[in-house]
């Protein structure tokens, strides 16, 4: 299927096979049912893509992941009150100086997924979590609240026959949960802007996409959901039975581990912390063998 024609530069075999398959499906099945079946798969894929955009925007990039930070940067950022309460007035030992520099560095350098410095006085309890942890939980709450909100809008009047007061109350509660989760995501640091294209207005644009996609999916009939559930279960069985165990991405990440060492230096009477990546040597220790042979010759 991956063979590309040398003159037209297109995968001819894949086009012919899947084009014939689509033509047979269009001939056998009802056109409206086929369109709805394709629509629910596309909408669900776009929903997960929008959620992934939010999660990945608040995580470290690949370039930062290749150079792992020190232990002080990995720790959750300390609040201003904690720093002020534990800061010693006089440096009594080397460990006091090192602890002070680690706190100041964690306060000044914010990596993606950490709470923004401007919100520290108001949302200090969020700084106790690891970078990206609050964002991931907020995305889950956002998707659940969007699903509940759209369900009330679609089925609340006709199928559920809710009274007006309960219908309005549920709309307000789920809308409030949606907005609160959106605010929790927004108060964290994002990745720095790169030269390539990035989706603007994150997390607002993906959140609206999730809400609209779920609403359109719930508008489809129950037979479409039944067919989709069967194919979804089959796809999950294939993924967890074969795909996850033969993933090239997992093999690439397993081979990319490096050994890091931390050094503390004191240039011009100042305390700084640097991280140096150390690659294990693949060459045989020839010098050690020559030293051992020389000692045996002397004996």
Protein backbone atom coordinates (compact mmCIF):
# COMPACT_ATOMS: atom_id res chain seq x y z
CA UNK A 1 0.00 0.00 0.00
CA UNK A 2 2.89 2.38 0.62
CA UNK A 3 4.38 1.99 -2.87
CA UNK A 4 4.45 5.35 -4.70
CA UNK A 5 4.21 5.52 -8.48
CA UNK A 6 7.51 6.92 -9.89
CA UNK A 7 5.82 9.25 -12.40
CA UNK A 8 2.62 10.43 -10.65
CA UNK A 9 4.08 10.25 -7.10
CA UNK A 10 0.84 8.87 -5.62
CA UNK A 11 0.10 5.54 -3.83
CA UNK A 12 -1.79 3.94 -6.73
CA UNK A 13 -2.43 0.58 -5.02
CA UNK A 14 -3.89 2.19 -1.89
CA UNK A 15 -6.12 4.48 -3.96
CA UNK A 16 -7.48 1.61 -6.04
CA UNK A 17 -8.11 -0.73 -3.08
CA UNK A 18 -9.76 1.76 -0.77
CA UNK A 19 -11.60 3.50 -3.63
CA UNK A 20 -13.13 0.17 -4.64
CA UNK A 21 -14.03 -0.56 -1.01
CA UNK A 22 -15.78 2.80 -0.62
CA UNK A 23 -17.71 2.24 -3.86
CA UNK A 24 -18.93 -1.18 -2.64
CA UNK A 25 -20.01 0.30 0.71
CA UNK A 26 -21.88 3.12 -1.04
CA UNK A 27 -23.63 0.54 -3.25
CA UNK A 28 -24.67 -1.80 -0.42
CA UNK A 29 -25.55 0.52 2.48
CA UNK A 30 -28.08 3.31 2.70
CA UNK A 31 -26.41 6.61 1.78
CA UNK A 32 -27.83 8.51 4.77
CA UNK A 33 -26.70 5.81 7.23
CA UNK A 34 -23.24 5.75 5.64
CA UNK A 35 -22.93 9.53 5.86
CA UNK A 36 -23.93 9.52 9.53
CA UNK A 37 -21.53 6.69 10.25
CA UNK A 38 -18.67 8.61 8.67
CA UNK A 39 -19.72 11.79 10.47
CA UNK A 40 -19.64 10.29 13.96
CA UNK A 41 -16.13 8.93 13.41
CA UNK A 42 -14.85 12.25 12.12
CA UNK A 43 -16.46 14.25 14.93
CA UNK A 44 -15.08 11.93 17.60
CA UNK A 45 -11.59 12.13 16.08
CA UNK A 46 -11.75 15.93 16.04
CA UNK A 47 -12.92 15.91 19.67
CA UNK A 48 -9.91 13.92 20.83
CA UNK A 49 -7.59 16.06 18.70
CA UNK A 50 -8.93 19.21 20.35
CA UNK A 51 -8.42 17.71 23.82
CA UNK A 52 -4.89 16.62 22.86
CA UNK A 53 -4.05 20.13 21.68
CA UNK A 54 -4.87 21.49 25.14
CA UNK A 55 -2.90 18.81 26.98
CA UNK A 56 0.18 19.06 24.73
CA UNK A 57 0.22 22.87 24.80
CA UNK A 58 0.72 22.76 28.58
CA UNK A 59 3.50 20.16 28.50
CA UNK A 60 7.21 20.44 27.82
CA UNK A 61 8.27 20.13 24.20
CA UNK A 62 10.51 17.40 22.81
CA UNK A 63 13.58 19.64 22.92
CA UNK A 64 13.03 20.26 26.62
CA UNK A 65 12.32 16.59 27.27
CA UNK A 66 15.68 15.59 25.76
CA UNK A 67 17.44 17.82 28.33
CA UNK A 68 15.80 16.82 31.63
CA UNK A 69 15.84 19.49 34.34
CA UNK A 70 17.45 19.08 37.69
CA UNK A 71 15.66 17.75 40.73
CA UNK A 72 14.88 21.25 41.94
CA UNK A 73 13.13 22.07 38.65
CA UNK A 74 11.19 18.80 38.74
CA UNK A 75 9.75 19.57 42.15
CA UNK A 76 6.47 21.50 42.39
CA UNK A 77 7.05 25.25 42.65
CA UNK A 78 7.00 26.65 46.16
CA UNK A 79 4.70 29.49 47.10
CA UNK A 80 5.89 32.91 48.17
CA UNK A 81 4.68 32.35 51.75
CA UNK A 82 6.57 29.08 52.03
CA UNK A 83 9.76 30.68 50.71
CA UNK A 84 9.47 33.60 53.07
CA UNK A 85 8.73 31.38 56.08
CA UNK A 86 11.61 28.97 55.50
CA UNK A 87 14.24 31.43 54.20
CA UNK A 88 17.10 31.73 56.71
CA UNK A 89 18.22 35.20 57.69
CA UNK A 90 21.85 34.10 57.89
CA UNK A 91 23.53 31.39 55.84
CA UNK A 92 24.68 28.92 58.45
CA UNK A 93 25.74 26.09 56.13
CA UNK A 94 26.26 25.10 52.52
CA UNK A 95 22.93 23.26 52.46
CA UNK A 96 21.11 26.49 53.40
CA UNK A 97 22.67 28.31 50.45
CA UNK A 98 21.83 25.48 48.04
CA UNK A 99 18.24 25.32 49.30
CA UNK A 100 17.80 29.07 48.86
CA UNK A 101 19.10 29.02 45.28
CA UNK A 102 16.82 26.07 44.41
CA UNK A 103 13.79 27.98 45.70
CA UNK A 104 14.68 31.17 43.85
CA UNK A 105 15.29 29.24 40.62
CA UNK A 106 11.97 27.38 40.89
CA UNK A 107 10.22 30.70 41.48
CA UNK A 108 11.81 32.56 38.55
CA UNK A 109 11.71 29.80 35.89
CA UNK A 110 8.24 28.49 35.07
CA UNK A 111 7.95 25.55 32.72
CA UNK A 112 4.77 24.66 30.78
CA UNK A 113 2.02 23.29 32.99
CA UNK A 114 2.99 25.25 36.10
CA UNK A 115 0.86 27.94 37.67
CA UNK A 116 1.56 31.44 36.37
CA UNK A 117 3.41 33.68 38.79
CA UNK A 118 0.70 36.34 38.70
CA UNK A 119 -1.85 33.88 40.16
CA UNK A 120 0.34 32.64 43.05
CA UNK A 121 -1.28 34.87 45.72
CA UNK A 122 -4.79 33.75 44.73
CA UNK A 123 -4.41 30.09 43.66
CA UNK A 124 -1.49 29.02 45.80
CA UNK A 125 -2.94 25.53 46.38
CA UNK A 126 -2.51 24.71 42.66
CA UNK A 127 1.27 25.13 42.93
CA UNK A 128 1.52 21.91 44.97
CA UNK A 129 0.80 19.75 41.89
CA UNK A 130 3.27 18.61 39.26
CA UNK A 131 3.41 20.50 35.94
CA UNK A 132 0.51 19.55 33.67
CA UNK A 133 -1.36 17.53 36.30
CA UNK A 134 -4.05 20.14 36.95
CA UNK A 135 -4.45 20.76 33.21
CA UNK A 136 -5.07 17.08 32.50
CA UNK A 137 -7.71 16.82 35.24
CA UNK A 138 -9.33 20.07 34.05
CA UNK A 139 -9.54 18.74 30.46
CA UNK A 140 -11.34 15.62 31.71
CA UNK A 141 -13.79 17.78 33.69
CA UNK A 142 -14.28 19.99 30.64
CA UNK A 143 -15.16 17.03 28.40
CA UNK A 144 -17.53 15.50 30.97
CA UNK A 145 -19.29 18.82 31.58
CA UNK A 146 -19.57 19.41 27.81
CA UNK A 147 -21.11 15.94 27.36
CA UNK A 148 -23.63 16.52 30.16
CA UNK A 149 -24.49 20.01 28.92
CA UNK A 150 -25.11 18.82 25.36
CA UNK A 151 -27.13 15.85 26.61
CA UNK A 152 -29.45 18.17 28.54
CA UNK A 153 -29.81 20.46 25.52
CA UNK A 154 -30.61 17.61 23.12
CA UNK A 155 -32.65 15.20 25.28
CA UNK A 156 -33.84 17.38 28.16
CA UNK A 157 -37.14 18.54 26.67
CA UNK A 158 -38.33 15.68 24.45
CA UNK A 159 -36.88 12.41 25.79
CA UNK A 160 -36.30 13.23 29.48
CA UNK A 161 -39.32 15.59 29.85
CA UNK A 162 -37.56 17.73 32.46
CA UNK A 163 -39.51 20.57 34.06
CA UNK A 164 -38.38 24.09 33.31
CA UNK A 165 -36.71 24.73 36.68
CA UNK A 166 -34.63 21.52 36.63
CA UNK A 167 -33.74 22.01 32.97
CA UNK A 168 -32.47 25.55 33.69
CA UNK A 169 -30.65 24.46 36.85
CA UNK A 170 -28.76 21.68 35.07
CA UNK A 171 -27.84 24.02 32.21
CA UNK A 172 -26.41 26.54 34.68
CA UNK A 173 -24.48 23.90 36.71
CA UNK A 174 -22.85 22.20 33.74
CA UNK A 175 -22.10 25.52 32.06
CA UNK A 176 -20.43 26.70 35.27
CA UNK A 177 -18.33 23.51 35.44
CA UNK A 178 -17.31 24.02 31.80
CA UNK A 179 -16.24 27.62 32.42
CA UNK A 180 -14.41 26.83 35.67
CA UNK A 181 -12.39 24.04 34.03
CA UNK A 182 -11.55 26.43 31.20
CA UNK A 183 -10.32 29.04 33.69
CA UNK A 184 -8.21 26.45 35.55
CA UNK A 185 -6.47 25.57 32.29
CA UNK A 186 -5.90 29.21 31.36
CA UNK A 187 -4.05 30.13 34.59
CA UNK A 188 -1.15 27.78 33.76
CA UNK A 189 1.92 28.42 31.65
CA UNK A 190 1.88 27.38 27.98
CA UNK A 191 4.71 26.39 25.68
CA UNK A 192 6.67 29.23 24.17
CA UNK A 193 5.60 30.22 20.67
CA UNK A 194 7.52 28.42 17.93
CA UNK A 195 8.14 29.36 14.32
CA UNK A 196 5.70 26.71 13.09
CA UNK A 197 1.92 27.14 13.13
CA UNK A 198 0.18 26.95 16.48
CA UNK A 199 -3.55 27.02 17.13
CA UNK A 200 -4.53 30.49 18.43
CA UNK A 201 -6.65 31.21 21.51
CA UNK A 202 -5.82 28.02 23.40
CA UNK A 203 -7.68 26.69 25.38
CA UNK A 204 -10.79 28.61 24.19
CA UNK A 205 -10.76 27.41 20.57
CA UNK A 206 -10.31 23.65 21.36
CA UNK A 207 -12.91 23.87 24.14
CA UNK A 208 -15.52 25.32 21.77
CA UNK A 209 -14.60 22.64 19.22
CA UNK A 210 -15.17 19.91 21.82
CA UNK A 211 -18.55 21.39 22.77
CA UNK A 212 -19.74 21.71 19.16
CA UNK A 213 -18.54 18.24 18.13
CA UNK A 214 -20.28 16.54 21.06
CA UNK A 215 -23.50 18.43 20.33
CA UNK A 216 -23.45 17.32 16.68
CA UNK A 217 -22.67 13.71 17.65
CA UNK A 218 -25.68 13.57 19.99
CA UNK A 219 -27.91 14.73 17.14
CA UNK A 220 -27.25 11.47 15.24
CA UNK A 221 -29.70 8.57 15.56
CA UNK A 222 -29.23 5.57 17.86
CA UNK A 223 -28.44 3.11 15.04
CA UNK A 224 -25.39 5.17 14.13
CA UNK A 225 -24.20 4.97 17.74
CA UNK A 226 -24.80 1.21 17.76
CA UNK A 227 -22.74 0.65 14.60
CA UNK A 228 -20.05 2.98 15.90
CA UNK A 229 -19.86 1.13 19.25
CA UNK A 230 -19.25 -2.19 17.48
CA UNK A 231 -16.43 -0.76 15.37
CA UNK A 232 -14.99 1.07 18.38
CA UNK A 233 -14.80 -2.14 20.42
CA UNK A 234 -13.12 -3.93 17.50
CA UNK A 235 -10.60 -1.11 17.13
CA UNK A 236 -9.78 -1.10 20.86
CA UNK A 237 -9.20 -4.85 20.79
CA UNK A 238 -6.76 -4.47 17.88
CA UNK A 239 -4.97 -1.57 19.57
CA UNK A 240 -4.54 -3.13 23.01
CA UNK A 241 -3.91 -6.58 21.57
CA UNK A 242 -1.27 -5.63 19.00
CA UNK A 243 -0.68 -1.92 18.40
CA UNK A 244 0.38 -0.81 21.87
CA UNK A 245 2.92 -3.64 22.13
CA UNK A 246 4.53 -2.91 18.73
CA UNK A 247 4.60 0.88 18.86
CA UNK A 248 7.72 2.41 17.29
CA UNK A 249 7.27 5.52 19.42
CA UNK A 250 7.68 3.53 22.63
CA UNK A 251 10.82 1.86 21.26
CA UNK A 252 12.22 5.27 20.27
CA UNK A 253 11.60 6.68 23.74
CA UNK A 254 13.19 3.66 25.40
CA UNK A 255 16.39 4.09 23.37
CA UNK A 256 16.61 7.83 24.02
CA UNK A 257 17.42 7.69 27.74
CA UNK A 258 20.54 9.55 28.79
CA UNK A 259 22.44 9.82 32.04
CA UNK A 260 22.47 13.26 33.62
CA UNK A 261 24.75 14.55 36.31
CA UNK A 262 24.40 17.75 38.35
CA UNK A 263 27.33 19.99 39.21
CA UNK A 264 27.36 22.94 41.59
CA UNK A 265 30.03 25.54 40.77
CA UNK A 266 31.02 28.81 42.40
CA UNK A 267 32.33 31.28 39.80
CA UNK A 268 33.19 34.68 41.32
CA UNK A 269 31.70 33.76 44.70
CA UNK A 270 28.23 33.06 43.31
CA UNK A 271 26.17 29.91 43.55
CA UNK A 272 24.86 28.44 40.30
CA UNK A 273 23.47 25.11 39.30
CA UNK A 274 24.11 23.48 35.92
CA UNK A 275 23.06 20.21 34.33
CA UNK A 276 25.39 18.31 32.01
CA UNK A 277 24.28 15.37 29.90
CA UNK A 278 26.62 12.40 30.14
CA UNK A 279 26.55 9.72 27.44
CA UNK A 280 27.82 6.26 28.39
CA UNK A 281 31.05 5.43 26.59
CA UNK A 282 30.70 2.66 24.03
CA UNK A 283 34.47 2.16 23.48
CA UNK A 284 36.33 -0.58 25.37
CA UNK A 285 38.55 0.51 28.22
CA UNK A 286 41.90 -0.02 26.47
CA UNK A 287 43.85 2.13 28.91
CA UNK A 288 42.72 0.02 31.85
CA UNK A 289 43.77 -3.19 30.14
CA UNK A 290 47.23 -1.78 29.37
CA UNK A 291 47.67 -0.70 33.00
CA UNK A 292 46.78 -4.18 34.26
CA UNK A 293 49.21 -5.80 31.81
CA UNK A 294 51.98 -3.41 32.90
CA UNK A 295 51.47 -4.28 36.57
CA UNK A 296 51.58 -8.01 35.80
CA UNK A 297 54.83 -7.53 33.82
CA UNK A 298 56.46 -5.72 36.79
CA UNK A 299 55.49 -8.60 39.09
